[in-house]
Amino acid sequence: MPSLFAALLLLLAACGGPRPAVPDAKGRSVSLLEQPFAELSLPPNNRPDGRAPSERIRLGPWLPLSGARGQQRWQTVLPVRPRGSFLFVPPTGMQILDAQGRPVHPERGASRGEPRWSREEHALDIEAPAAAPPVPDCTWYLTWPKAVAREDALNFGLSGATTRQASPAPPSRTGTPRAPGC
């Protein structure tokens, strides 16, 4: 009996209330073939002030991570997409430079007493001795000629193409968007 009463209440509640809005005029379809052609004009460059991309990409902000065995670690968003399968091998030509412009060795090539770097799919890690000062934001850099070439190819003015049809198509992008950094 209680389920019959509940069903009756639900039926009454569904039948009451405001009526749906009815449009004043009947909808119509729009043929895109009958619309005037619109031409899109793009600037030759989307870089600030038309400058070419920098050879050095600032790294940061850095997030401190837990360290182990007398080491401390920091992590930041990897500002490029290496598209490589082997995360333990740095891509050819990729370098990390410290605040003084000195190259930092990748994890497999560094001694325990000096800073070293490693990467994950979307992150870059720095590991240094516990006595080392923290990595300051936006003072370490990543250099990778392939990333600069990719950025150039996305800009008509920098790509070296002579016509817009010859300009390379931008690569498809998947994954998480790049987080804001320096």
C-alpha atoms as a PDB file:
ATOM      1  CA  MET A   1       0.000   0.000   0.000  1.00  0.00           C
ATOM      2  CA  PRO A   2       2.813   2.518   0.777  1.00  0.00           C
ATOM      3  CA  SER A   3       4.338   2.002  -2.684  1.00  0.00           C
ATOM      4  CA  LEU A   4       0.952   2.721  -4.352  1.00  0.00           C
ATOM      5  CA  PHE A   5       0.653   5.935  -2.335  1.00  0.00           C
ATOM      6  CA  ALA A   6       4.220   6.987  -3.290  1.00  0.00           C
ATOM      7  CA  ALA A   7       3.533   6.238  -6.975  1.00  0.00           C
ATOM      8  CA  LEU A   8       0.350   8.346  -6.855  1.00  0.00           C
ATOM      9  CA  LEU A   9       2.232  11.260  -5.298  1.00  0.00           C
ATOM     10  CA  LEU A  10       4.957  11.036  -7.967  1.00  0.00           C
ATOM     11  CA  LEU A  11       2.337  10.981 -10.725  1.00  0.00           C
ATOM     12  CA  LEU A  12       0.621  14.060  -9.353  1.00  0.00           C
ATOM     13  CA  ALA A  13       3.941  15.903  -8.946  1.00  0.00           C
ATOM     14  CA  ALA A  14       4.915  15.093 -12.543  1.00  0.00           C
ATOM     15  CA  CYS A  15       1.649  16.400 -13.965  1.00  0.00           C
ATOM     16  CA  GLY A  16       1.697  19.736 -12.167  1.00  0.00           C
ATOM     17  CA  GLY A  17       3.970  22.744 -12.440  1.00  0.00           C
ATOM     18  CA  PRO A  18       4.704  25.256 -15.192  1.00  0.00           C
ATOM     19  CA  ARG A  19       4.233  24.329 -18.810  1.00  0.00           C
ATOM     20  CA  PRO A  20       7.309  24.169 -21.121  1.00  0.00           C
ATOM     21  CA  ALA A  21       8.118  27.315 -23.071  1.00  0.00           C
ATOM     22  CA  VAL A  22       6.948  27.245 -26.678  1.00  0.00           C
ATOM     23  CA  PRO A  23       8.957  29.274 -29.212  1.00  0.00           C
ATOM     24  CA  ASP A  24       7.137  32.142 -30.928  1.00  0.00           C
ATOM     25  CA  ALA A  25       8.270  31.176 -34.409  1.00  0.00           C
ATOM     26  CA  LYS A  26       9.033  27.904 -36.044  1.00  0.00           C
ATOM     27  CA  GLY A  27      12.748  27.104 -36.181  1.00  0.00           C
ATOM     28  CA  ARG A  28      14.506  27.170 -39.526  1.00  0.00           C
ATOM     29  CA  SER A  29      17.668  25.643 -40.877  1.00  0.00           C
ATOM     30  CA  VAL A  30      20.505  27.762 -42.210  1.00  0.00           C
ATOM     31  CA  SER A  31      22.328  26.648 -45.324  1.00  0.00           C
ATOM     32  CA  LEU A  32      26.013  27.411 -45.053  1.00  0.00           C
ATOM     33  CA  LEU A  33      26.268  27.406 -48.854  1.00  0.00           C
ATOM     34  CA  GLU A  34      24.059  30.507 -48.965  1.00  0.00           C
ATOM     35  CA  GLN A  35      26.197  32.426 -46.475  1.00  0.00           C
ATOM     36  CA  PRO A  36      28.918  34.818 -47.718  1.00  0.00           C
ATOM     37  CA  PHE A  37      32.451  33.424 -47.615  1.00  0.00           C
ATOM     38  CA  ALA A  38      34.449  34.696 -44.670  1.00  0.00           C
ATOM     39  CA  GLU A  39      38.197  34.968 -44.989  1.00  0.00           C
ATOM     40  CA  LEU A  40      40.333  34.588 -41.926  1.00  0.00           C
ATOM     41  CA  SER A  41      43.579  36.521 -41.799  1.00  0.00           C
ATOM     42  CA  LEU A  42      46.260  35.464 -39.365  1.00  0.00           C
ATOM     43  CA  PRO A  43      49.250  37.518 -38.274  1.00  0.00           C
ATOM     44  CA  PRO A  44      52.644  36.257 -39.471  1.00  0.00           C
ATOM     45  CA  ASN A  45      53.728  35.675 -35.889  1.00  0.00           C
ATOM     46  CA  ASN A  46      51.998  35.065 -32.557  1.00  0.00           C
ATOM     47  CA  ARG A  47      55.075  35.692 -30.419  1.00  0.00           C
ATOM     48  CA  PRO A  48      55.258  38.756 -28.117  1.00  0.00           C
ATOM     49  CA  ASP A  49      56.602  41.707 -30.122  1.00  0.00           C
ATOM     50  CA  GLY A  50      57.262  39.336 -33.047  1.00  0.00           C
ATOM     51  CA  ARG A  51      60.439  38.024 -31.438  1.00  0.00           C
ATOM     52  CA  ALA A  52      61.781  34.579 -32.216  1.00  0.00           C
ATOM     53  CA  PRO A  53      61.470  32.033 -29.384  1.00  0.00           C
ATOM     54  CA  SER A  54      64.274  32.098 -26.859  1.00  0.00           C
ATOM     55  CA  GLU A  55      66.943  29.415 -26.966  1.00  0.00           C
ATOM     56  CA  ARG A  56      66.520  29.127 -23.177  1.00  0.00           C
ATOM     57  CA  ILE A  57      63.175  28.229 -21.602  1.00  0.00           C
ATOM     58  CA  ARG A  58      62.776  29.375 -17.998  1.00  0.00           C
ATOM     59  CA  LEU A  59      61.897  26.662 -15.485  1.00  0.00           C
ATOM     60  CA  GLY A  60      59.619  27.072 -12.492  1.00  0.00           C
ATOM     61  CA  PRO A  61      57.830  27.446 -10.225  1.00  0.00           C
ATOM     62  CA  TRP A  62      59.472  24.636  -8.273  1.00  0.00           C
ATOM     63  CA  LEU A  63      57.605  22.413  -5.841  1.00  0.00           C
ATOM     64  CA  PRO A  64      59.723  20.846  -3.069  1.00  0.00           C
ATOM     65  CA  LEU A  65      59.376  17.064  -2.850  1.00  0.00           C
ATOM     66  CA  SER A  66      60.526  14.670  -0.168  1.00  0.00           C
ATOM     67  CA  GLY A  67      64.167  13.707  -0.393  1.00  0.00           C
ATOM     68  CA  ALA A  68      66.046  10.588   0.642  1.00  0.00           C
ATOM     69  CA  ARG A  69      69.622   9.481   1.376  1.00  0.00           C
ATOM     70  CA  GLY A  70      70.865  13.022   2.090  1.00  0.00           C
ATOM     71  CA  GLN A  71      69.306  14.441  -1.074  1.00  0.00           C
ATOM     72  CA  GLN A  72      66.518  16.972  -1.610  1.00  0.00           C
ATOM     73  CA  ARG A  73      64.228  17.151  -4.648  1.00  0.00           C
ATOM     74  CA  TRP A  74      62.173  19.774  -6.490  1.00  0.00           C
ATOM     75  CA  GLN A  75      59.729  19.381  -9.363  1.00  0.00           C
ATOM     76  CA  THR A  76      58.276  21.675 -12.015  1.00  0.00           C
ATOM     77  CA  VAL A  77      56.121  21.272 -15.100  1.00  0.00           C
ATOM     78  CA  LEU A  78      58.069  20.142 -18.164  1.00  0.00           C
ATOM     79  CA  PRO A  79      57.484  23.038 -20.600  1.00  0.00           C
ATOM     80  CA  VAL A  80      58.069  20.910 -23.723  1.00  0.00           C
ATOM     81  CA  ARG A  81      56.785  17.579 -25.018  1.00  0.00           C
ATOM     82  CA  PRO A  82      59.681  15.295 -25.883  1.00  0.00           C
ATOM     83  CA  ARG A  83      57.334  12.572 -27.220  1.00  0.00           C
ATOM     84  CA  GLY A  84      59.833   9.907 -26.281  1.00  0.00           C
ATOM     85  CA  SER A  85      59.053   6.521 -24.818  1.00  0.00           C
ATOM     86  CA  PHE A  86      62.117   6.223 -22.618  1.00  0.00           C
ATOM     87  CA  LEU A  87      61.873   8.650 -19.704  1.00  0.00           C
ATOM     88  CA  PHE A  88      65.219   7.566 -18.251  1.00  0.00           C
ATOM     89  CA  VAL A  89      67.137   8.740 -21.343  1.00  0.00           C
ATOM     90  CA  PRO A  90      67.177  12.501 -22.001  1.00  0.00           C
ATOM     91  CA  PRO A  91      66.178  13.485 -25.544  1.00  0.00           C
ATOM     92  CA  THR A  92      69.123  14.285 -27.802  1.00  0.00           C
ATOM     93  CA  GLY A  93      70.188  17.885 -27.331  1.00  0.00           C
ATOM     94  CA  MET A  94      68.102  18.600 -24.214  1.00  0.00           C
ATOM     95  CA  GLN A  95      70.057  20.320 -21.443  1.00  0.00           C
ATOM     96  CA  ILE A  96      69.241  21.859 -18.084  1.00  0.00           C
ATOM     97  CA  LEU A  97      71.283  24.919 -17.078  1.00  0.00           C
ATOM     98  CA  ASP A  98      71.598  26.144 -13.491  1.00  0.00           C
ATOM     99  CA  ALA A  99      71.395  29.800 -12.416  1.00  0.00           C
ATOM    100  CA  GLN A 100      75.058  30.352 -13.409  1.00  0.00           C
ATOM    101  CA  GLY A 101      74.468  28.855 -16.885  1.00  0.00           C
ATOM    102  CA  ARG A 102      76.356  25.624 -16.130  1.00  0.00           C
ATOM    103  CA  PRO A 103      74.914  22.378 -17.519  1.00  0.00           C
ATOM    104  CA  VAL A 104      73.331  20.076 -14.937  1.00  0.00           C
ATOM    105  CA  HIS A 105      73.941  16.402 -15.655  1.00  0.00           C
ATOM    106  CA  PRO A 106      71.065  14.013 -16.163  1.00  0.00           C
ATOM    107  CA  GLU A 107      70.420  11.516 -13.391  1.00  0.00           C
ATOM    108  CA  ARG A 108      72.513   8.733 -14.942  1.00  0.00           C
ATOM    109  CA  GLY A 109      75.581  10.900 -15.572  1.00  0.00           C
ATOM    110  CA  ALA A 110      75.968  12.842 -12.325  1.00  0.00           C
ATOM    111  CA  SER A 111      77.899  12.124  -9.177  1.00  0.00           C
ATOM    112  CA  ARG A 112      76.143  12.118  -5.781  1.00  0.00           C
ATOM    113  CA  GLY A 113      77.675  15.450  -4.750  1.00  0.00           C
ATOM    114  CA  GLU A 114      76.234  17.561  -7.568  1.00  0.00           C
ATOM    115  CA  PRO A 115      72.719  18.423  -8.741  1.00  0.00           C
ATOM    116  CA  ARG A 116      71.151  16.164 -11.350  1.00  0.00           C
ATOM    117  CA  TRP A 117      67.908  16.055 -13.259  1.00  0.00           C
ATOM    118  CA  SER A 118      65.378  13.518 -14.458  1.00  0.00           C
ATOM    119  CA  ARG A 119      62.027  13.777 -16.157  1.00  0.00           C
ATOM    120  CA  GLU A 120      58.626  12.214 -16.121  1.00  0.00           C
ATOM    121  CA  GLU A 121      56.000  12.510 -18.822  1.00  0.00           C
ATOM    122  CA  HIS A 122      54.909  16.023 -17.787  1.00  0.00           C
ATOM    123  CA  ALA A 123      57.391  16.944 -15.040  1.00  0.00           C
ATOM    124  CA  LEU A 124      61.054  17.725 -14.532  1.00  0.00           C
ATOM    125  CA  ASP A 125      62.807  16.808 -11.261  1.00  0.00           C
ATOM    126  CA  ILE A 126      65.999  18.250  -9.793  1.00  0.00           C
ATOM    127  CA  GLU A 127      67.832  16.338  -7.069  1.00  0.00           C
ATOM    128  CA  ALA A 128      70.672  17.922  -5.105  1.00  0.00           C
ATOM    129  CA  PRO A 129      72.550  17.339  -1.850  1.00  0.00           C
ATOM    130  CA  ALA A 130      70.576  18.359   1.251  1.00  0.00           C
ATOM    131  CA  ALA A 131      73.112  21.121   1.998  1.00  0.00           C
ATOM    132  CA  ALA A 132      72.513  22.784  -1.398  1.00  0.00           C
ATOM    133  CA  PRO A 133      70.302  25.899  -1.452  1.00  0.00           C
ATOM    134  CA  PRO A 134      66.785  25.478  -2.886  1.00  0.00           C
ATOM    135  CA  VAL A 135      66.303  25.927  -6.621  1.00  0.00           C
ATOM    136  CA  PRO A 136      65.032  29.510  -7.106  1.00  0.00           C
ATOM    137  CA  ASP A 137      62.072  29.993  -9.454  1.00  0.00           C
ATOM    138  CA  CYS A 138      62.780  31.107 -13.018  1.00  0.00           C
ATOM    139  CA  THR A 139      66.587  31.059 -12.736  1.00  0.00           C
ATOM    140  CA  TRP A 140      67.214  27.586 -14.183  1.00  0.00           C
ATOM    141  CA  TYR A 141      66.716  26.978 -17.891  1.00  0.00           C
ATOM    142  CA  LEU A 142      65.982  24.200 -20.327  1.00  0.00           C
ATOM    143  CA  THR A 143      67.630  24.303 -23.750  1.00  0.00           C
ATOM    144  CA  TRP A 144      66.506  22.017 -26.540  1.00  0.00           C
ATOM    145  CA  PRO A 145      66.980  23.013 -30.202  1.00  0.00           C
ATOM    146  CA  LYS A 146      64.148  20.709 -31.307  1.00  0.00           C
ATOM    147  CA  ALA A 147      61.640  22.631 -29.152  1.00  0.00           C
ATOM    148  CA  VAL A 148      62.768  25.934 -30.677  1.00  0.00           C
ATOM    149  CA  ALA A 149      62.435  24.476 -34.197  1.00  0.00           C
ATOM    150  CA  ARG A 150      58.903  23.261 -33.393  1.00  0.00           C
ATOM    151  CA  GLU A 151      57.949  26.717 -32.098  1.00  0.00           C
ATOM    152  CA  ASP A 152      59.374  28.333 -35.247  1.00  0.00           C
ATOM    153  CA  ALA A 153      57.366  25.962 -37.455  1.00  0.00           C
ATOM    154  CA  LEU A 154      54.118  27.074 -35.793  1.00  0.00           C
ATOM    155  CA  ASN A 155      54.699  30.703 -36.818  1.00  0.00           C
ATOM    156  CA  PHE A 156      54.461  31.607 -40.501  1.00  0.00           C
ATOM    157  CA  GLY A 157      56.935  34.482 -40.132  1.00  0.00           C
ATOM    158  CA  LEU A 158      59.568  32.241 -38.519  1.00  0.00           C
ATOM    159  CA  SER A 159      58.957  28.961 -40.351  1.00  0.00           C
ATOM    160  CA  GLY A 160      60.832  29.844 -43.525  1.00  0.00           C
ATOM    161  CA  ALA A 161      57.738  29.057 -45.644  1.00  0.00           C
ATOM    162  CA  THR A 162      57.134  31.366 -48.606  1.00  0.00           C
ATOM    163  CA  THR A 163      53.377  30.815 -48.849  1.00  0.00           C
ATOM    164  CA  ARG A 164      50.760  30.021 -46.263  1.00  0.00           C
ATOM    165  CA  GLN A 165      50.015  26.728 -48.030  1.00  0.00           C
ATOM    166  CA  ALA A 166      53.677  25.697 -47.615  1.00  0.00           C
ATOM    167  CA  SER A 167      53.619  26.500 -43.905  1.00  0.00           C
ATOM    168  CA  PRO A 168      53.676  23.276 -41.890  1.00  0.00           C
ATOM    169  CA  ALA A 169      50.496  22.212 -40.162  1.00  0.00           C
ATOM    170  CA  PRO A 170      50.634  22.391 -36.382  1.00  0.00           C
ATOM    171  CA  PRO A 171      51.147  19.003 -34.752  1.00  0.00           C
ATOM    172  CA  SER A 172      48.234  17.403 -32.970  1.00  0.00           C
ATOM    173  CA  ARG A 173      48.356  18.008 -29.255  1.00  0.00           C
ATOM    174  CA  THR A 174      47.108  15.595 -26.668  1.00  0.00           C
ATOM    175  CA  GLY A 175      47.520  15.270 -22.953  1.00  0.00           C
ATOM    176  CA  THR A 176      47.336  17.832 -20.222  1.00  0.00           C
ATOM    177  CA  PRO A 177      47.804  21.477 -21.171  1.00  0.00           C
ATOM    178  CA  ARG A 178      50.968  23.180 -20.073  1.00  0.00           C
ATOM    179  CA  ALA A 179      50.615  24.774 -16.664  1.00  0.00           C
ATOM    180  CA  PRO A 180      51.563  28.426 -16.271  1.00  0.00           C
ATOM    181  CA  GLY A 181      55.173  28.935 -15.298  1.00  0.00           C
ATOM    182  CA  CYS A 182      57.829  31.601 -15.660  1.00  0.00           C
END
